[in-house]
Amino acid sequence: MNPERRREIARKGGASVPGEKRSFAKDRDLAASAGRKGGEASRGGGRSRNNRQG
């Protein structure tokens, strides 16, 4: 897919979701909490890469 077509599609991102359904856009604390929770779940919870076991 050419870069212009990709940009066109990217510009539409989220446009189909009505504003009242965009909870993270309205609530910064909720967004931060979700990001923190996702980071911990992905084992990214503040650990450096050098300290990983495995």
PDB file of N, CA and C in Angstrom:
ATOM      1  N   MET A   1       0.854  -1.169   0.000  1.00  0.00           N
ATOM      2  CA  MET A   1       0.000   0.000   0.000  1.00  0.00           C
ATOM      3  C   MET A   1       0.904   1.238   0.000  1.00  0.00           C
ATOM      4  N   ASN A   2       0.579   2.208  -0.820  1.00  0.00           N
ATOM      5  CA  ASN A   2       1.446   3.383  -0.912  1.00  0.00           C
ATOM      6  C   ASN A   2       1.296   4.281   0.322  1.00  0.00           C
ATOM      7  N   PRO A   3       2.321   5.064   0.620  1.00  0.00           N
ATOM      8  CA  PRO A   3       2.322   5.894   1.828  1.00  0.00           C
ATOM      9  C   PRO A   3       1.155   6.884   1.899  1.00  0.00           C
ATOM     10  N   GLU A   4       0.754   7.441   0.788  1.00  0.00           N
ATOM     11  CA  GLU A   4      -0.353   8.399   0.796  1.00  0.00           C
ATOM     12  C   GLU A   4      -1.659   7.719   1.213  1.00  0.00           C
ATOM     13  N   ARG A   5      -1.890   6.528   0.705  1.00  0.00           N
ATOM     14  CA  ARG A   5      -3.103   5.771   1.064  1.00  0.00           C
ATOM     15  C   ARG A   5      -3.087   5.429   2.551  1.00  0.00           C
ATOM     16  N   ARG A   6      -1.918   5.057   3.077  1.00  0.00           N
ATOM     17  CA  ARG A   6      -1.797   4.739   4.496  1.00  0.00           C
ATOM     18  C   ARG A   6      -2.100   5.962   5.354  1.00  0.00           C
ATOM     19  N   ARG A   7      -1.600   7.120   4.947  1.00  0.00           N
ATOM     20  CA  ARG A   7      -1.873   8.360   5.690  1.00  0.00           C
ATOM     21  C   ARG A   7      -3.357   8.690   5.669  1.00  0.00           C
ATOM     22  N   GLU A   8      -3.986   8.480   4.527  1.00  0.00           N
ATOM     23  CA  GLU A   8      -5.413   8.744   4.385  1.00  0.00           C
ATOM     24  C   GLU A   8      -6.216   7.880   5.363  1.00  0.00           C
ATOM     25  N   ILE A   9      -5.863   6.614   5.437  1.00  0.00           N
ATOM     26  CA  ILE A   9      -6.549   5.701   6.359  1.00  0.00           C
ATOM     27  C   ILE A   9      -6.278   6.095   7.809  1.00  0.00           C
ATOM     28  N   ALA A  10      -5.036   6.438   8.118  1.00  0.00           N
ATOM     29  CA  ALA A  10      -4.668   6.807   9.486  1.00  0.00           C
ATOM     30  C   ALA A  10      -5.408   8.054   9.952  1.00  0.00           C
ATOM     31  N   ARG A  11      -5.637   8.984   9.053  1.00  0.00           N
ATOM     32  CA  ARG A  11      -6.353  10.215   9.412  1.00  0.00           C
ATOM     33  C   ARG A  11      -7.776   9.921   9.866  1.00  0.00           C
ATOM     34  N   LYS A  12      -8.340   8.832   9.414  1.00  0.00           N
ATOM     35  CA  LYS A  12      -9.715   8.478   9.758  1.00  0.00           C
ATOM     36  C   LYS A  12      -9.813   7.751  11.101  1.00  0.00           C
ATOM     37  N   GLY A  13      -8.694   7.426  11.695  1.00  0.00           N
ATOM     38  CA  GLY A  13      -8.683   6.638  12.919  1.00  0.00           C
ATOM     39  C   GLY A  13      -9.572   7.210  14.006  1.00  0.00           C
ATOM     40  N   GLY A  14     -10.508   6.420  14.497  1.00  0.00           N
ATOM     41  CA  GLY A  14     -11.394   6.840  15.578  1.00  0.00           C
ATOM     42  C   GLY A  14     -12.558   7.700  15.131  1.00  0.00           C
ATOM     43  N   ALA A  15     -12.619   8.073  13.871  1.00  0.00           N
ATOM     44  CA  ALA A  15     -13.677   8.967  13.417  1.00  0.00           C
ATOM     45  C   ALA A  15     -15.059   8.348  13.539  1.00  0.00           C
ATOM     46  N   SER A  16     -15.147   7.045  13.517  1.00  0.00           N
ATOM     47  CA  SER A  16     -16.451   6.402  13.596  1.00  0.00           C
ATOM     48  C   SER A  16     -16.948   6.280  15.033  1.00  0.00           C
ATOM     49  N   VAL A  17     -16.094   6.603  15.997  1.00  0.00           N
ATOM     50  CA  VAL A  17     -16.488   6.516  17.402  1.00  0.00           C
ATOM     51  C   VAL A  17     -16.987   7.885  17.853  1.00  0.00           C
ATOM     52  N   PRO A  18     -18.236   7.948  18.344  1.00  0.00           N
ATOM     53  CA  PRO A  18     -18.761   9.244  18.781  1.00  0.00           C
ATOM     54  C   PRO A  18     -18.015   9.768  20.010  1.00  0.00           C
ATOM     55  N   GLY A  19     -17.951  11.062  20.164  1.00  0.00           N
ATOM     56  CA  GLY A  19     -17.222  11.696  21.252  1.00  0.00           C
ATOM     57  C   GLY A  19     -17.591  11.191  22.631  1.00  0.00           C
ATOM     58  N   GLU A  20     -18.868  10.934  22.863  1.00  0.00           N
ATOM     59  CA  GLU A  20     -19.299  10.470  24.197  1.00  0.00           C
ATOM     60  C   GLU A  20     -18.801   9.059  24.525  1.00  0.00           C
ATOM     61  N   LYS A  21     -18.337   8.342  23.520  1.00  0.00           N
ATOM     62  CA  LYS A  21     -17.805   6.999  23.741  1.00  0.00           C
ATOM     63  C   LYS A  21     -16.297   6.988  23.949  1.00  0.00           C
ATOM     64  N   ARG A  22     -15.655   8.133  23.785  1.00  0.00           N
ATOM     65  CA  ARG A  22     -14.200   8.218  23.907  1.00  0.00           C
ATOM     66  C   ARG A  22     -13.828   8.569  25.344  1.00  0.00           C
ATOM     67  N   SER A  23     -13.892   7.604  26.227  1.00  0.00           N
ATOM     68  CA  SER A  23     -13.692   7.867  27.650  1.00  0.00           C
ATOM     69  C   SER A  23     -12.286   8.352  27.962  1.00  0.00           C
ATOM     70  N   PHE A  24     -11.280   7.875  27.263  1.00  0.00           N
ATOM     71  CA  PHE A  24      -9.915   8.286  27.568  1.00  0.00           C
ATOM     72  C   PHE A  24      -9.684   9.748  27.175  1.00  0.00           C
ATOM     73  N   ALA A  25     -10.360  10.222  26.155  1.00  0.00           N
ATOM     74  CA  ALA A  25     -10.210  11.609  25.739  1.00  0.00           C
ATOM     75  C   ALA A  25     -10.765  12.557  26.798  1.00  0.00           C
ATOM     76  N   LYS A  26     -11.736  12.094  27.573  1.00  0.00           N
ATOM     77  CA  LYS A  26     -12.371  12.932  28.588  1.00  0.00           C
ATOM     78  C   LYS A  26     -11.719  12.790  29.950  1.00  0.00           C
ATOM     79  N   ASP A  27     -11.165  11.645  30.250  1.00  0.00           N
ATOM     80  CA  ASP A  27     -10.685  11.366  31.600  1.00  0.00           C
ATOM     81  C   ASP A  27      -9.208  10.980  31.571  1.00  0.00           C
ATOM     82  N   ARG A  28      -8.357  11.953  31.828  1.00  0.00           N
ATOM     83  CA  ARG A  28      -6.910  11.739  31.768  1.00  0.00           C
ATOM     84  C   ARG A  28      -6.447  10.695  32.791  1.00  0.00           C
ATOM     85  N   ASP A  29      -7.034  10.715  33.990  1.00  0.00           N
ATOM     86  CA  ASP A  29      -6.652   9.751  35.032  1.00  0.00           C
ATOM     87  C   ASP A  29      -7.001   8.321  34.622  1.00  0.00           C
ATOM     88  N   LEU A  30      -8.144   8.162  33.978  1.00  0.00           N
ATOM     89  CA  LEU A  30      -8.551   6.837  33.501  1.00  0.00           C
ATOM     90  C   LEU A  30      -7.568   6.334  32.439  1.00  0.00           C
ATOM     91  N   ALA A  31      -7.152   7.209  31.553  1.00  0.00           N
ATOM     92  CA  ALA A  31      -6.198   6.839  30.514  1.00  0.00           C
ATOM     93  C   ALA A  31      -4.852   6.453  31.128  1.00  0.00           C
ATOM     94  N   ALA A  32      -4.401   7.228  32.100  1.00  0.00           N
ATOM     95  CA  ALA A  32      -3.120   6.943  32.752  1.00  0.00           C
ATOM     96  C   ALA A  32      -3.175   5.605  33.479  1.00  0.00           C
ATOM     97  N   SER A  33      -4.285   5.363  34.147  1.00  0.00           N
ATOM     98  CA  SER A  33      -4.456   4.105  34.877  1.00  0.00           C
ATOM     99  C   SER A  33      -4.437   2.909  33.923  1.00  0.00           C
ATOM    100  N   ALA A  34      -5.137   3.043  32.808  1.00  0.00           N
ATOM    101  CA  ALA A  34      -5.172   1.957  31.827  1.00  0.00           C
ATOM    102  C   ALA A  34      -3.793   1.720  31.231  1.00  0.00           C
ATOM    103  N   GLY A  35      -3.061   2.779  30.957  1.00  0.00           N
ATOM    104  CA  GLY A  35      -1.717   2.637  30.407  1.00  0.00           C
ATOM    105  C   GLY A  35      -0.782   1.953  31.389  1.00  0.00           C
ATOM    106  N   ARG A  36      -0.897   2.318  32.653  1.00  0.00           N
ATOM    107  CA  ARG A  36      -0.065   1.706  33.690  1.00  0.00           C
ATOM    108  C   ARG A  36      -0.391   0.215  33.803  1.00  0.00           C
ATOM    109  N   LYS A  37      -1.684  -0.091  33.829  1.00  0.00           N
ATOM    110  CA  LYS A  37      -2.123  -1.482  33.947  1.00  0.00           C
ATOM    111  C   LYS A  37      -1.640  -2.307  32.748  1.00  0.00           C
ATOM    112  N   GLY A  38      -1.738  -1.751  31.547  1.00  0.00           N
ATOM    113  CA  GLY A  38      -1.278  -2.458  30.349  1.00  0.00           C
ATOM    114  C   GLY A  38       0.219  -2.675  30.365  1.00  0.00           C
ATOM    115  N   GLY A  39       0.967  -1.683  30.842  1.00  0.00           N
ATOM    116  CA  GLY A  39       2.414  -1.809  30.924  1.00  0.00           C
ATOM    117  C   GLY A  39       2.830  -2.904  31.884  1.00  0.00           C
ATOM    118  N   GLU A  40       2.134  -2.986  33.010  1.00  0.00           N
ATOM    119  CA  GLU A  40       2.450  -4.031  33.984  1.00  0.00           C
ATOM    120  C   GLU A  40       2.102  -5.414  33.429  1.00  0.00           C
ATOM    121  N   ALA A  41       0.991  -5.502  32.740  1.00  0.00           N
ATOM    122  CA  ALA A  41       0.557  -6.785  32.189  1.00  0.00           C
ATOM    123  C   ALA A  41       1.523  -7.285  31.119  1.00  0.00           C
ATOM    124  N   SER A  42       2.171  -6.339  30.425  1.00  0.00           N
ATOM    125  CA  SER A  42       3.092  -6.737  29.366  1.00  0.00           C
ATOM    126  C   SER A  42       4.514  -6.911  29.888  1.00  0.00           C
ATOM    127  N   ARG A  43       4.658  -6.921  31.197  1.00  0.00           N
ATOM    128  CA  ARG A  43       5.946  -7.067  31.873  1.00  0.00           C
ATOM    129  C   ARG A  43       6.850  -5.868  31.637  1.00  0.00           C
ATOM    130  N   GLY A  44       6.253  -4.754  31.294  1.00  0.00           N
ATOM    131  CA  GLY A  44       7.025  -3.550  31.100  1.00  0.00           C
ATOM    132  C   GLY A  44       6.976  -2.644  32.314  1.00  0.00           C
ATOM    133  N   GLY A  45       6.403  -3.098  33.387  1.00  0.00           N
ATOM    134  CA  GLY A  45       6.123  -2.301  34.576  1.00  0.00           C
ATOM    135  C   GLY A  45       7.327  -1.672  35.239  1.00  0.00           C
ATOM    136  N   GLY A  46       8.108  -0.899  34.527  1.00  0.00           N
ATOM    137  CA  GLY A  46       9.200  -0.148  35.109  1.00  0.00           C
ATOM    138  C   GLY A  46      10.509  -0.906  35.222  1.00  0.00           C
ATOM    139  N   ARG A  47      10.555  -2.106  34.776  1.00  0.00           N
ATOM    140  CA  ARG A  47      11.786  -2.896  34.835  1.00  0.00           C
ATOM    141  C   ARG A  47      12.685  -2.559  33.670  1.00  0.00           C
ATOM    142  N   SER A  48      13.974  -2.561  33.916  1.00  0.00           N
ATOM    143  CA  SER A  48      14.882  -2.348  32.790  1.00  0.00           C
ATOM    144  C   SER A  48      15.092  -3.676  32.066  1.00  0.00           C
ATOM    145  N   ARG A  49      15.469  -3.602  30.828  1.00  0.00           N
ATOM    146  CA  ARG A  49      15.654  -4.822  30.031  1.00  0.00           C
ATOM    147  C   ARG A  49      16.792  -5.684  30.558  1.00  0.00           C
ATOM    148  N   ASN A  50      17.786  -5.084  31.195  1.00  0.00           N
ATOM    149  CA  ASN A  50      18.924  -5.830  31.702  1.00  0.00           C
ATOM    150  C   ASN A  50      18.590  -6.689  32.919  1.00  0.00           C
ATOM    151  N   ASN A  51      17.510  -6.356  33.601  1.00  0.00           N
ATOM    152  CA  ASN A  51      17.147  -7.104  34.810  1.00  0.00           C
ATOM    153  C   ASN A  51      16.165  -8.234  34.556  1.00  0.00           C
ATOM    154  N   ARG A  52      15.821  -8.471  33.314  1.00  0.00           N
ATOM    155  CA  ARG A  52      14.863  -9.531  32.990  1.00  0.00           C
ATOM    156  C   ARG A  52      15.460 -10.906  33.219  1.00  0.00           C
ATOM    157  N   GLN A  53      14.628 -11.780  33.698  1.00  0.00           N
ATOM    158  CA  GLN A  53      15.061 -13.177  33.860  1.00  0.00           C
ATOM    159  C   GLN A  53      14.392 -13.989  32.773  1.00  0.00           C
ATOM    160  N   GLY A  54      15.071 -15.016  32.321  1.00  0.00           N
ATOM    161  CA  GLY A  54      14.384 -15.845  31.352  1.00  0.00           C
ATOM    162  C   GLY A  54      15.192 -16.339  30.267  1.00  0.00           C
TER     163      GLY A  54
END
